[in-house]
């Protein structure tokens, strides 16, 4: 672990600020990068509130929160924030073109021995590695939302990812307090190849009138011991994200079982994306 001291995170949204939160608490120096200061200000506020909540619940001592907050810096200039990072984690939207562009740029800006990781939930690590000249140092680190609370990090290795890169990231994940699970680079990896078809099937059940949204969620919570129902979970994840992952699965496998449900497509087209827009399968107000 001695080679990883500084971590840069590209994207200060929900996942990016969550990764910054746990990395700083684990003792790493973190730079959180985004294109606008307002995004960084929002991320700073979120991190401070979430850490304060941990202190209130006595899961984290106050001195650890104070130390962690000092370890995080915020930057809009990627070119100045990246060069001294030992690990760069990309955590932007699930847009392949955007991710490929960022990886091309990071490959030129980051130091030669830096590891480049993506928090992607479905996009090919192999394809991201292909736009760089360091395929052996490209890897997936798929954290779960909300990052500070969820135990898992899915580590995805492309065919050229080196054993040393994997071992370094596995050890890093454990130091951050996470349990790593290794996945081959396949559409949806392990997590979303299993989860998203379940959510998609729940939407089919709703569309066909098999049950109400409440009934569908209740069956999965009480009958299958899931902490929340699939439609509630879809609202939390974002229906646009669910649709995007289903499209990746359908494109990757060419199998009808992965075709997105028309109701899911309709809701995304209407802008009803779940909690982040105030309306999805359920209503959330402003």
C-alpha atoms as a PDB file:
ATOM      1  CA  UNK A   1       0.000   0.000   0.000  1.00  0.00           C
ATOM      2  CA  UNK A   2       2.991   2.334   0.277  1.00  0.00           C
ATOM      3  CA  UNK A   3       2.718   3.310  -3.386  1.00  0.00           C
ATOM      4  CA  UNK A   4      -0.813   4.738  -2.999  1.00  0.00           C
ATOM      5  CA  UNK A   5      -0.741   7.950  -0.990  1.00  0.00           C
ATOM      6  CA  UNK A   6      -2.606  10.470  -3.116  1.00  0.00           C
ATOM      7  CA  UNK A   7      -5.908   9.833  -4.849  1.00  0.00           C
ATOM      8  CA  UNK A   8      -7.617  12.054  -7.409  1.00  0.00           C
ATOM      9  CA  UNK A   9     -11.316  11.607  -8.143  1.00  0.00           C
ATOM     10  CA  UNK A  10     -12.883  12.913 -11.352  1.00  0.00           C
ATOM     11  CA  UNK A  11     -16.529  13.845 -10.801  1.00  0.00           C
ATOM     12  CA  UNK A  12     -17.954  15.318  -7.587  1.00  0.00           C
ATOM     13  CA  UNK A  13     -21.438  13.856  -7.839  1.00  0.00           C
ATOM     14  CA  UNK A  14     -23.036  11.294  -5.534  1.00  0.00           C
ATOM     15  CA  UNK A  15     -20.474   8.578  -6.204  1.00  0.00           C
ATOM     16  CA  UNK A  16     -17.432  10.860  -6.465  1.00  0.00           C
ATOM     17  CA  UNK A  17     -18.036  12.652  -3.185  1.00  0.00           C
ATOM     18  CA  UNK A  18     -18.789   9.319  -1.487  1.00  0.00           C
ATOM     19  CA  UNK A  19     -15.475   7.858  -2.672  1.00  0.00           C
ATOM     20  CA  UNK A  20     -13.657  11.021  -1.517  1.00  0.00           C
ATOM     21  CA  UNK A  21     -15.351  10.663   1.876  1.00  0.00           C
ATOM     22  CA  UNK A  22     -14.163   7.097   2.547  1.00  0.00           C
ATOM     23  CA  UNK A  23     -10.711   7.618   1.004  1.00  0.00           C
ATOM     24  CA  UNK A  24     -10.010  10.613   3.248  1.00  0.00           C
ATOM     25  CA  UNK A  25     -11.242   8.730   6.306  1.00  0.00           C
ATOM     26  CA  UNK A  26      -8.885   5.883   5.394  1.00  0.00           C
ATOM     27  CA  UNK A  27      -5.946   8.301   5.593  1.00  0.00           C
ATOM     28  CA  UNK A  28      -5.364   9.136   1.927  1.00  0.00           C
ATOM     29  CA  UNK A  29      -4.837  12.644   0.570  1.00  0.00           C
ATOM     30  CA  UNK A  30      -7.684  13.277  -1.853  1.00  0.00           C
ATOM     31  CA  UNK A  31      -8.299  15.798  -4.625  1.00  0.00           C
ATOM     32  CA  UNK A  32     -11.881  15.971  -5.858  1.00  0.00           C
ATOM     33  CA  UNK A  33     -12.157  17.401  -9.369  1.00  0.00           C
ATOM     34  CA  UNK A  34     -15.143  18.731 -11.290  1.00  0.00           C
ATOM     35  CA  UNK A  35     -15.775  21.251 -14.047  1.00  0.00           C
ATOM     36  CA  UNK A  36     -17.666  23.844 -11.967  1.00  0.00           C
ATOM     37  CA  UNK A  37     -17.033  25.290  -8.529  1.00  0.00           C
ATOM     38  CA  UNK A  38     -20.723  24.981  -7.661  1.00  0.00           C
ATOM     39  CA  UNK A  39     -20.493  21.189  -8.082  1.00  0.00           C
ATOM     40  CA  UNK A  40     -17.499  21.112  -5.749  1.00  0.00           C
ATOM     41  CA  UNK A  41     -19.247  23.337  -3.191  1.00  0.00           C
ATOM     42  CA  UNK A  42     -22.226  20.982  -3.213  1.00  0.00           C
ATOM     43  CA  UNK A  43     -19.911  17.979  -2.793  1.00  0.00           C
ATOM     44  CA  UNK A  44     -18.086  19.625   0.122  1.00  0.00           C
ATOM     45  CA  UNK A  45     -21.402  20.323   1.852  1.00  0.00           C
ATOM     46  CA  UNK A  46     -22.561  16.731   1.316  1.00  0.00           C
ATOM     47  CA  UNK A  47     -19.320  15.246   2.657  1.00  0.00           C
ATOM     48  CA  UNK A  48     -19.396  17.489   5.732  1.00  0.00           C
ATOM     49  CA  UNK A  49     -23.034  16.613   6.473  1.00  0.00           C
ATOM     50  CA  UNK A  50     -22.473  12.882   6.005  1.00  0.00           C
ATOM     51  CA  UNK A  51     -19.409  12.848   8.235  1.00  0.00           C
ATOM     52  CA  UNK A  52     -21.221  14.909  10.864  1.00  0.00           C
ATOM     53  CA  UNK A  53     -24.026  12.335  10.798  1.00  0.00           C
ATOM     54  CA  UNK A  54     -21.466   9.578  11.420  1.00  0.00           C
ATOM     55  CA  UNK A  55     -20.163  11.516  14.432  1.00  0.00           C
ATOM     56  CA  UNK A  56     -23.714  11.969  15.770  1.00  0.00           C
ATOM     57  CA  UNK A  57     -24.281   8.227  15.486  1.00  0.00           C
ATOM     58  CA  UNK A  58     -20.900   7.633  17.167  1.00  0.00           C
ATOM     59  CA  UNK A  59     -19.722   5.437  14.310  1.00  0.00           C
ATOM     60  CA  UNK A  60     -16.799   7.833  13.724  1.00  0.00           C
ATOM     61  CA  UNK A  61     -14.984   9.921  16.380  1.00  0.00           C
ATOM     62  CA  UNK A  62     -14.969  13.692  15.826  1.00  0.00           C
ATOM     63  CA  UNK A  63     -11.178  13.914  15.519  1.00  0.00           C
ATOM     64  CA  UNK A  64     -11.286  11.460  12.617  1.00  0.00           C
ATOM     65  CA  UNK A  65     -13.868  13.610  10.831  1.00  0.00           C
ATOM     66  CA  UNK A  66     -11.734  16.732  11.350  1.00  0.00           C
ATOM     67  CA  UNK A  67      -8.630  14.975  10.050  1.00  0.00           C
ATOM     68  CA  UNK A  68     -10.464  13.537   7.030  1.00  0.00           C
ATOM     69  CA  UNK A  69     -11.942  16.885   5.998  1.00  0.00           C
ATOM     70  CA  UNK A  70      -8.454  18.414   6.037  1.00  0.00           C
ATOM     71  CA  UNK A  71      -7.243  15.705   3.663  1.00  0.00           C
ATOM     72  CA  UNK A  72      -9.682  16.671   0.889  1.00  0.00           C
ATOM     73  CA  UNK A  73      -8.895  19.444  -1.581  1.00  0.00           C
ATOM     74  CA  UNK A  74     -11.198  20.613  -4.362  1.00  0.00           C
ATOM     75  CA  UNK A  75     -10.152  21.596  -7.868  1.00  0.00           C
ATOM     76  CA  UNK A  76     -11.641  22.651 -11.213  1.00  0.00           C
ATOM     77  CA  UNK A  77      -8.296  22.434 -13.039  1.00  0.00           C
ATOM     78  CA  UNK A  78      -7.787  18.753 -13.774  1.00  0.00           C
ATOM     79  CA  UNK A  79      -4.345  19.278 -15.328  1.00  0.00           C
ATOM     80  CA  UNK A  80      -2.969  20.605 -12.030  1.00  0.00           C
ATOM     81  CA  UNK A  81      -4.779  18.135  -9.776  1.00  0.00           C
ATOM     82  CA  UNK A  82      -3.835  14.884 -11.526  1.00  0.00           C
ATOM     83  CA  UNK A  83      -0.029  14.753 -12.061  1.00  0.00           C
ATOM     84  CA  UNK A  84       0.951  13.843  -8.481  1.00  0.00           C
ATOM     85  CA  UNK A  85      -1.859  11.285  -7.914  1.00  0.00           C
ATOM     86  CA  UNK A  86      -0.933   7.633  -7.434  1.00  0.00           C
ATOM     87  CA  UNK A  87      -4.482   6.559  -8.253  1.00  0.00           C
ATOM     88  CA  UNK A  88      -7.104   8.372 -10.325  1.00  0.00           C
ATOM     89  CA  UNK A  89     -10.730   7.258  -9.980  1.00  0.00           C
ATOM     90  CA  UNK A  90     -13.142   8.383 -12.695  1.00  0.00           C
ATOM     91  CA  UNK A  91     -16.695   8.767 -11.345  1.00  0.00           C
ATOM     92  CA  UNK A  92     -18.650  10.654 -14.005  1.00  0.00           C
ATOM     93  CA  UNK A  93     -21.971   9.775 -15.693  1.00  0.00           C
ATOM     94  CA  UNK A  94     -22.437   6.405 -17.420  1.00  0.00           C
ATOM     95  CA  UNK A  95     -21.621   7.830 -20.842  1.00  0.00           C
ATOM     96  CA  UNK A  96     -19.097   5.731 -22.806  1.00  0.00           C
ATOM     97  CA  UNK A  97     -17.927   8.604 -25.035  1.00  0.00           C
ATOM     98  CA  UNK A  98     -17.338  10.843 -22.014  1.00  0.00           C
ATOM     99  CA  UNK A  99     -15.442   8.143 -20.128  1.00  0.00           C
ATOM    100  CA  UNK A 100     -13.242   7.300 -23.117  1.00  0.00           C
ATOM    101  CA  UNK A 101     -12.411  10.984 -23.563  1.00  0.00           C
ATOM    102  CA  UNK A 102     -11.488  11.302 -19.880  1.00  0.00           C
ATOM    103  CA  UNK A 103      -9.284   8.190 -19.954  1.00  0.00           C
ATOM    104  CA  UNK A 104      -7.418   9.482 -23.007  1.00  0.00           C
ATOM    105  CA  UNK A 105      -6.772  12.727 -21.146  1.00  0.00           C
ATOM    106  CA  UNK A 106      -5.799  11.034 -17.891  1.00  0.00           C
ATOM    107  CA  UNK A 107      -3.326   8.812 -19.704  1.00  0.00           C
ATOM    108  CA  UNK A 108      -1.501  11.937 -20.877  1.00  0.00           C
ATOM    109  CA  UNK A 109      -1.778  13.894 -17.606  1.00  0.00           C
ATOM    110  CA  UNK A 110      -1.241  11.274 -14.890  1.00  0.00           C
ATOM    111  CA  UNK A 111       2.238  10.049 -14.032  1.00  0.00           C
ATOM    112  CA  UNK A 112       3.308   6.902 -15.849  1.00  0.00           C
ATOM    113  CA  UNK A 113       2.991   4.529 -12.899  1.00  0.00           C
ATOM    114  CA  UNK A 114      -0.404   5.839 -11.734  1.00  0.00           C
ATOM    115  CA  UNK A 115      -3.350   3.452 -11.736  1.00  0.00           C
ATOM    116  CA  UNK A 116      -6.448   4.619 -13.629  1.00  0.00           C
ATOM    117  CA  UNK A 117      -9.711   3.264 -12.225  1.00  0.00           C
ATOM    118  CA  UNK A 118     -13.319   3.696 -13.277  1.00  0.00           C
ATOM    119  CA  UNK A 119     -16.373   3.590 -11.049  1.00  0.00           C
ATOM    120  CA  UNK A 120     -18.440   2.449 -14.035  1.00  0.00           C
ATOM    121  CA  UNK A 121     -21.344   0.136 -13.282  1.00  0.00           C
ATOM    122  CA  UNK A 122     -21.465  -1.481 -16.717  1.00  0.00           C
ATOM    123  CA  UNK A 123     -19.118  -0.008 -19.354  1.00  0.00           C
ATOM    124  CA  UNK A 124     -16.249  -2.152 -20.638  1.00  0.00           C
ATOM    125  CA  UNK A 125     -12.952  -1.735 -18.794  1.00  0.00           C
ATOM    126  CA  UNK A 126     -11.243  -3.303 -21.816  1.00  0.00           C
ATOM    127  CA  UNK A 127     -12.522  -0.519 -24.067  1.00  0.00           C
ATOM    128  CA  UNK A 128     -11.429   2.167 -21.601  1.00  0.00           C
ATOM    129  CA  UNK A 129      -7.985   0.613 -21.343  1.00  0.00           C
ATOM    130  CA  UNK A 130      -7.713   0.546 -25.135  1.00  0.00           C
ATOM    131  CA  UNK A 131      -7.682   4.352 -25.374  1.00  0.00           C
ATOM    132  CA  UNK A 132      -4.635   4.496 -23.066  1.00  0.00           C
ATOM    133  CA  UNK A 133      -1.026   3.336 -23.293  1.00  0.00           C
ATOM    134  CA  UNK A 134      -1.183   1.697 -19.861  1.00  0.00           C
ATOM    135  CA  UNK A 135      -3.793  -1.056 -20.217  1.00  0.00           C
ATOM    136  CA  UNK A 136      -2.052  -3.014 -17.451  1.00  0.00           C
ATOM    137  CA  UNK A 137      -2.846  -0.195 -15.010  1.00  0.00           C
ATOM    138  CA  UNK A 138      -6.531   0.275 -15.911  1.00  0.00           C
ATOM    139  CA  UNK A 139      -9.138  -1.322 -13.635  1.00  0.00           C
ATOM    140  CA  UNK A 140     -12.741  -0.995 -12.509  1.00  0.00           C
ATOM    141  CA  UNK A 141     -13.694   0.010  -8.960  1.00  0.00           C
ATOM    142  CA  UNK A 142     -17.469  -0.183  -8.864  1.00  0.00           C
ATOM    143  CA  UNK A 143     -18.593   1.232  -5.521  1.00  0.00           C
ATOM    144  CA  UNK A 144     -22.189   0.869  -4.374  1.00  0.00           C
ATOM    145  CA  UNK A 145     -24.481   3.786  -3.499  1.00  0.00           C
ATOM    146  CA  UNK A 146     -24.401   5.233  -0.847  1.00  0.00           C
ATOM    147  CA  UNK A 147     -20.636   4.731  -0.782  1.00  0.00           C
ATOM    148  CA  UNK A 148     -19.992   5.485   2.929  1.00  0.00           C
ATOM    149  CA  UNK A 149     -22.569   2.868   3.986  1.00  0.00           C
ATOM    150  CA  UNK A 150     -22.314   0.053   1.457  1.00  0.00           C
ATOM    151  CA  UNK A 151     -19.731  -2.629   2.150  1.00  0.00           C
ATOM    152  CA  UNK A 152     -19.029  -3.867  -1.377  1.00  0.00           C
ATOM    153  CA  UNK A 153     -16.631  -2.694  -4.061  1.00  0.00           C
ATOM    154  CA  UNK A 154     -16.701  -4.728  -7.265  1.00  0.00           C
ATOM    155  CA  UNK A 155     -13.232  -4.859  -8.824  1.00  0.00           C
ATOM    156  CA  UNK A 156     -13.229  -5.433 -12.570  1.00  0.00           C
ATOM    157  CA  UNK A 157     -10.116  -6.612 -14.380  1.00  0.00           C
ATOM    158  CA  UNK A 158      -9.679  -6.304 -18.121  1.00  0.00           C
ATOM    159  CA  UNK A 159      -7.621  -8.917 -19.998  1.00  0.00           C
ATOM    160  CA  UNK A 160      -4.497  -6.767 -19.694  1.00  0.00           C
ATOM    161  CA  UNK A 161      -4.955  -5.572 -16.108  1.00  0.00           C
ATOM    162  CA  UNK A 162      -1.838  -6.739 -14.256  1.00  0.00           C
ATOM    163  CA  UNK A 163      -1.895  -8.854 -11.107  1.00  0.00           C
ATOM    164  CA  UNK A 164       0.013  -6.084  -9.334  1.00  0.00           C
ATOM    165  CA  UNK A 165      -2.667  -3.526 -10.239  1.00  0.00           C
ATOM    166  CA  UNK A 166      -5.378  -5.851  -8.973  1.00  0.00           C
ATOM    167  CA  UNK A 167      -3.548  -6.616  -5.716  1.00  0.00           C
ATOM    168  CA  UNK A 168      -2.910  -2.923  -5.089  1.00  0.00           C
ATOM    169  CA  UNK A 169      -6.554  -1.993  -5.654  1.00  0.00           C
ATOM    170  CA  UNK A 170      -7.784  -4.953  -3.598  1.00  0.00           C
ATOM    171  CA  UNK A 171      -5.612  -3.883  -0.654  1.00  0.00           C
ATOM    172  CA  UNK A 172      -6.692  -0.257  -1.115  1.00  0.00           C
ATOM    173  CA  UNK A 173     -10.353  -1.306  -1.022  1.00  0.00           C
ATOM    174  CA  UNK A 174      -9.831  -3.155   2.252  1.00  0.00           C
ATOM    175  CA  UNK A 175      -8.035  -0.169   3.760  1.00  0.00           C
ATOM    176  CA  UNK A 176     -11.089   1.920   2.842  1.00  0.00           C
ATOM    177  CA  UNK A 177     -13.173  -0.513   4.876  1.00  0.00           C
ATOM    178  CA  UNK A 178     -14.749  -2.246   1.892  1.00  0.00           C
ATOM    179  CA  UNK A 179     -15.036  -5.901   0.936  1.00  0.00           C
ATOM    180  CA  UNK A 180     -13.738  -6.425  -2.618  1.00  0.00           C
ATOM    181  CA  UNK A 181     -15.304  -8.897  -5.041  1.00  0.00           C
ATOM    182  CA  UNK A 182     -13.461  -9.631  -8.284  1.00  0.00           C
ATOM    183  CA  UNK A 183     -15.341  -9.686 -11.582  1.00  0.00           C
ATOM    184  CA  UNK A 184     -14.342 -10.469 -15.131  1.00  0.00           C
ATOM    185  CA  UNK A 185     -14.921  -7.663 -17.654  1.00  0.00           C
ATOM    186  CA  UNK A 186     -18.302  -8.736 -19.017  1.00  0.00           C
ATOM    187  CA  UNK A 187     -21.397  -6.568 -19.706  1.00  0.00           C
ATOM    188  CA  UNK A 188     -22.903  -5.495 -16.380  1.00  0.00           C
ATOM    189  CA  UNK A 189     -20.143  -7.337 -14.476  1.00  0.00           C
ATOM    190  CA  UNK A 190     -21.616  -9.479 -11.656  1.00  0.00           C
ATOM    191  CA  UNK A 191     -23.748  -6.947  -9.807  1.00  0.00           C
ATOM    192  CA  UNK A 192     -25.762  -5.368 -12.598  1.00  0.00           C
ATOM    193  CA  UNK A 193     -25.986  -8.492 -14.749  1.00  0.00           C
ATOM    194  CA  UNK A 194     -28.066  -9.943 -11.898  1.00  0.00           C
ATOM    195  CA  UNK A 195     -29.693  -6.819 -10.428  1.00  0.00           C
ATOM    196  CA  UNK A 196     -30.858  -4.924 -13.513  1.00  0.00           C
ATOM    197  CA  UNK A 197     -32.810  -7.769 -15.154  1.00  0.00           C
ATOM    198  CA  UNK A 198     -34.626  -8.177 -11.811  1.00  0.00           C
ATOM    199  CA  UNK A 199     -35.538  -4.476 -11.783  1.00  0.00           C
ATOM    200  CA  UNK A 200     -36.513  -4.651 -15.466  1.00  0.00           C
ATOM    201  CA  UNK A 201     -38.770  -7.652 -14.770  1.00  0.00           C
ATOM    202  CA  UNK A 202     -40.381  -5.776 -11.860  1.00  0.00           C
ATOM    203  CA  UNK A 203     -41.195  -2.932 -14.277  1.00  0.00           C
ATOM    204  CA  UNK A 204     -42.719  -5.486 -16.699  1.00  0.00           C
ATOM    205  CA  UNK A 205     -44.895  -6.784 -13.828  1.00  0.00           C
ATOM    206  CA  UNK A 206     -46.078  -3.229 -13.142  1.00  0.00           C
ATOM    207  CA  UNK A 207     -46.687  -2.514 -16.837  1.00  0.00           C
ATOM    208  CA  UNK A 208     -48.711  -5.721 -17.258  1.00  0.00           C
ATOM    209  CA  UNK A 209     -50.769  -5.117 -14.103  1.00  0.00           C
ATOM    210  CA  UNK A 210     -49.502  -8.245 -12.368  1.00  0.00           C
ATOM    211  CA  UNK A 211     -49.330  -6.199  -9.177  1.00  0.00           C
ATOM    212  CA  UNK A 212     -49.226  -2.627  -7.917  1.00  0.00           C
ATOM    213  CA  UNK A 213     -45.857  -1.009  -7.280  1.00  0.00           C
ATOM    214  CA  UNK A 214     -46.459  -1.437  -3.551  1.00  0.00           C
ATOM    215  CA  UNK A 215     -47.320  -5.130  -3.948  1.00  0.00           C
ATOM    216  CA  UNK A 216     -44.264  -5.809  -6.119  1.00  0.00           C
ATOM    217  CA  UNK A 217     -41.936  -4.127  -3.629  1.00  0.00           C
ATOM    218  CA  UNK A 218     -43.609  -5.796  -0.632  1.00  0.00           C
ATOM    219  CA  UNK A 219     -43.195  -9.281  -2.154  1.00  0.00           C
ATOM    220  CA  UNK A 220     -39.470  -8.745  -2.656  1.00  0.00           C
ATOM    221  CA  UNK A 221     -38.940  -7.160   0.769  1.00  0.00           C
ATOM    222  CA  UNK A 222     -40.938  -9.576   2.887  1.00  0.00           C
ATOM    223  CA  UNK A 223     -40.736 -12.666   0.698  1.00  0.00           C
ATOM    224  CA  UNK A 224     -37.104 -12.429  -0.388  1.00  0.00           C
ATOM    225  CA  UNK A 225     -35.670 -10.388   2.531  1.00  0.00           C
ATOM    226  CA  UNK A 226     -34.480  -7.562   0.287  1.00  0.00           C
ATOM    227  CA  UNK A 227     -33.898  -4.310   2.217  1.00  0.00           C
ATOM    228  CA  UNK A 228     -36.012  -2.422  -0.338  1.00  0.00           C
ATOM    229  CA  UNK A 229     -38.193  -3.386  -3.262  1.00  0.00           C
ATOM    230  CA  UNK A 230     -36.898  -3.285  -6.853  1.00  0.00           C
ATOM    231  CA  UNK A 231     -39.005  -0.283  -7.881  1.00  0.00           C
ATOM    232  CA  UNK A 232     -37.926   1.715  -4.838  1.00  0.00           C
ATOM    233  CA  UNK A 233     -34.341   0.711  -5.571  1.00  0.00           C
ATOM    234  CA  UNK A 234     -34.706   1.783  -9.215  1.00  0.00           C
ATOM    235  CA  UNK A 235     -35.862   5.216  -8.040  1.00  0.00           C
ATOM    236  CA  UNK A 236     -32.828   5.439  -5.761  1.00  0.00           C
ATOM    237  CA  UNK A 237     -30.382   4.401  -8.502  1.00  0.00           C
ATOM    238  CA  UNK A 238     -32.036   6.587 -11.155  1.00  0.00           C
ATOM    239  CA  UNK A 239     -34.246   5.214 -13.918  1.00  0.00           C
ATOM    240  CA  UNK A 240     -31.943   6.709 -16.538  1.00  0.00           C
ATOM    241  CA  UNK A 241     -29.030   4.757 -15.068  1.00  0.00           C
ATOM    242  CA  UNK A 242     -31.108   1.552 -15.005  1.00  0.00           C
ATOM    243  CA  UNK A 243     -32.079   2.065 -18.645  1.00  0.00           C
ATOM    244  CA  UNK A 244     -28.498   2.788 -19.658  1.00  0.00           C
ATOM    245  CA  UNK A 245     -27.260  -0.434 -18.023  1.00  0.00           C
ATOM    246  CA  UNK A 246     -30.051  -2.494 -19.605  1.00  0.00           C
ATOM    247  CA  UNK A 247     -29.017  -1.108 -22.997  1.00  0.00           C
ATOM    248  CA  UNK A 248     -25.407  -2.133 -22.328  1.00  0.00           C
ATOM    249  CA  UNK A 249     -26.561  -5.646 -21.415  1.00  0.00           C
ATOM    250  CA  UNK A 250     -28.838  -5.916 -24.457  1.00  0.00           C
ATOM    251  CA  UNK A 251     -26.145  -4.602 -26.785  1.00  0.00           C
ATOM    252  CA  UNK A 252     -23.463  -6.825 -25.269  1.00  0.00           C
ATOM    253  CA  UNK A 253     -25.366 -10.116 -25.216  1.00  0.00           C
ATOM    254  CA  UNK A 254     -27.917  -9.614 -28.055  1.00  0.00           C
ATOM    255  CA  UNK A 255     -30.372 -11.569 -25.915  1.00  0.00           C
ATOM    256  CA  UNK A 256     -34.058 -10.585 -25.703  1.00  0.00           C
ATOM    257  CA  UNK A 257     -34.118 -11.200 -21.948  1.00  0.00           C
ATOM    258  CA  UNK A 258     -32.078  -8.006 -21.568  1.00  0.00           C
ATOM    259  CA  UNK A 259     -34.352  -5.797 -23.704  1.00  0.00           C
ATOM    260  CA  UNK A 260     -35.404  -2.738 -21.634  1.00  0.00           C
ATOM    261  CA  UNK A 261     -39.066  -2.666 -20.611  1.00  0.00           C
ATOM    262  CA  UNK A 262     -41.074  -0.109 -22.669  1.00  0.00           C
ATOM    263  CA  UNK A 263     -42.443   1.453 -19.465  1.00  0.00           C
ATOM    264  CA  UNK A 264     -38.906   2.097 -18.223  1.00  0.00           C
ATOM    265  CA  UNK A 265     -38.036   3.755 -21.545  1.00  0.00           C
ATOM    266  CA  UNK A 266     -41.234   5.839 -21.428  1.00  0.00           C
ATOM    267  CA  UNK A 267     -40.587   7.116 -17.898  1.00  0.00           C
ATOM    268  CA  UNK A 268     -37.017   8.128 -18.764  1.00  0.00           C
ATOM    269  CA  UNK A 269     -38.241   9.904 -21.920  1.00  0.00           C
ATOM    270  CA  UNK A 270     -40.731  11.832 -19.758  1.00  0.00           C
ATOM    271  CA  UNK A 271     -37.983  12.866 -17.349  1.00  0.00           C
ATOM    272  CA  UNK A 272     -39.296  10.847 -14.410  1.00  0.00           C
ATOM    273  CA  UNK A 273     -35.959   9.500 -13.200  1.00  0.00           C
ATOM    274  CA  UNK A 274     -36.655   8.742  -9.544  1.00  0.00           C
ATOM    275  CA  UNK A 275     -35.513  10.507  -6.398  1.00  0.00           C
ATOM    276  CA  UNK A 276     -33.219  12.956  -8.212  1.00  0.00           C
ATOM    277  CA  UNK A 277     -36.136  14.469 -10.170  1.00  0.00           C
ATOM    278  CA  UNK A 278     -38.732  14.100  -7.416  1.00  0.00           C
ATOM    279  CA  UNK A 279     -40.751  11.509  -9.317  1.00  0.00           C
ATOM    280  CA  UNK A 280     -40.191   7.966 -10.511  1.00  0.00           C
ATOM    281  CA  UNK A 281     -42.322   4.968  -9.631  1.00  0.00           C
ATOM    282  CA  UNK A 282     -43.016   6.888  -6.421  1.00  0.00           C
ATOM    283  CA  UNK A 283     -43.282  10.618  -5.695  1.00  0.00           C
ATOM    284  CA  UNK A 284     -40.672  12.423  -3.598  1.00  0.00           C
ATOM    285  CA  UNK A 285     -41.765  16.064  -3.660  1.00  0.00           C
ATOM    286  CA  UNK A 286     -39.199  18.713  -4.472  1.00  0.00           C
END
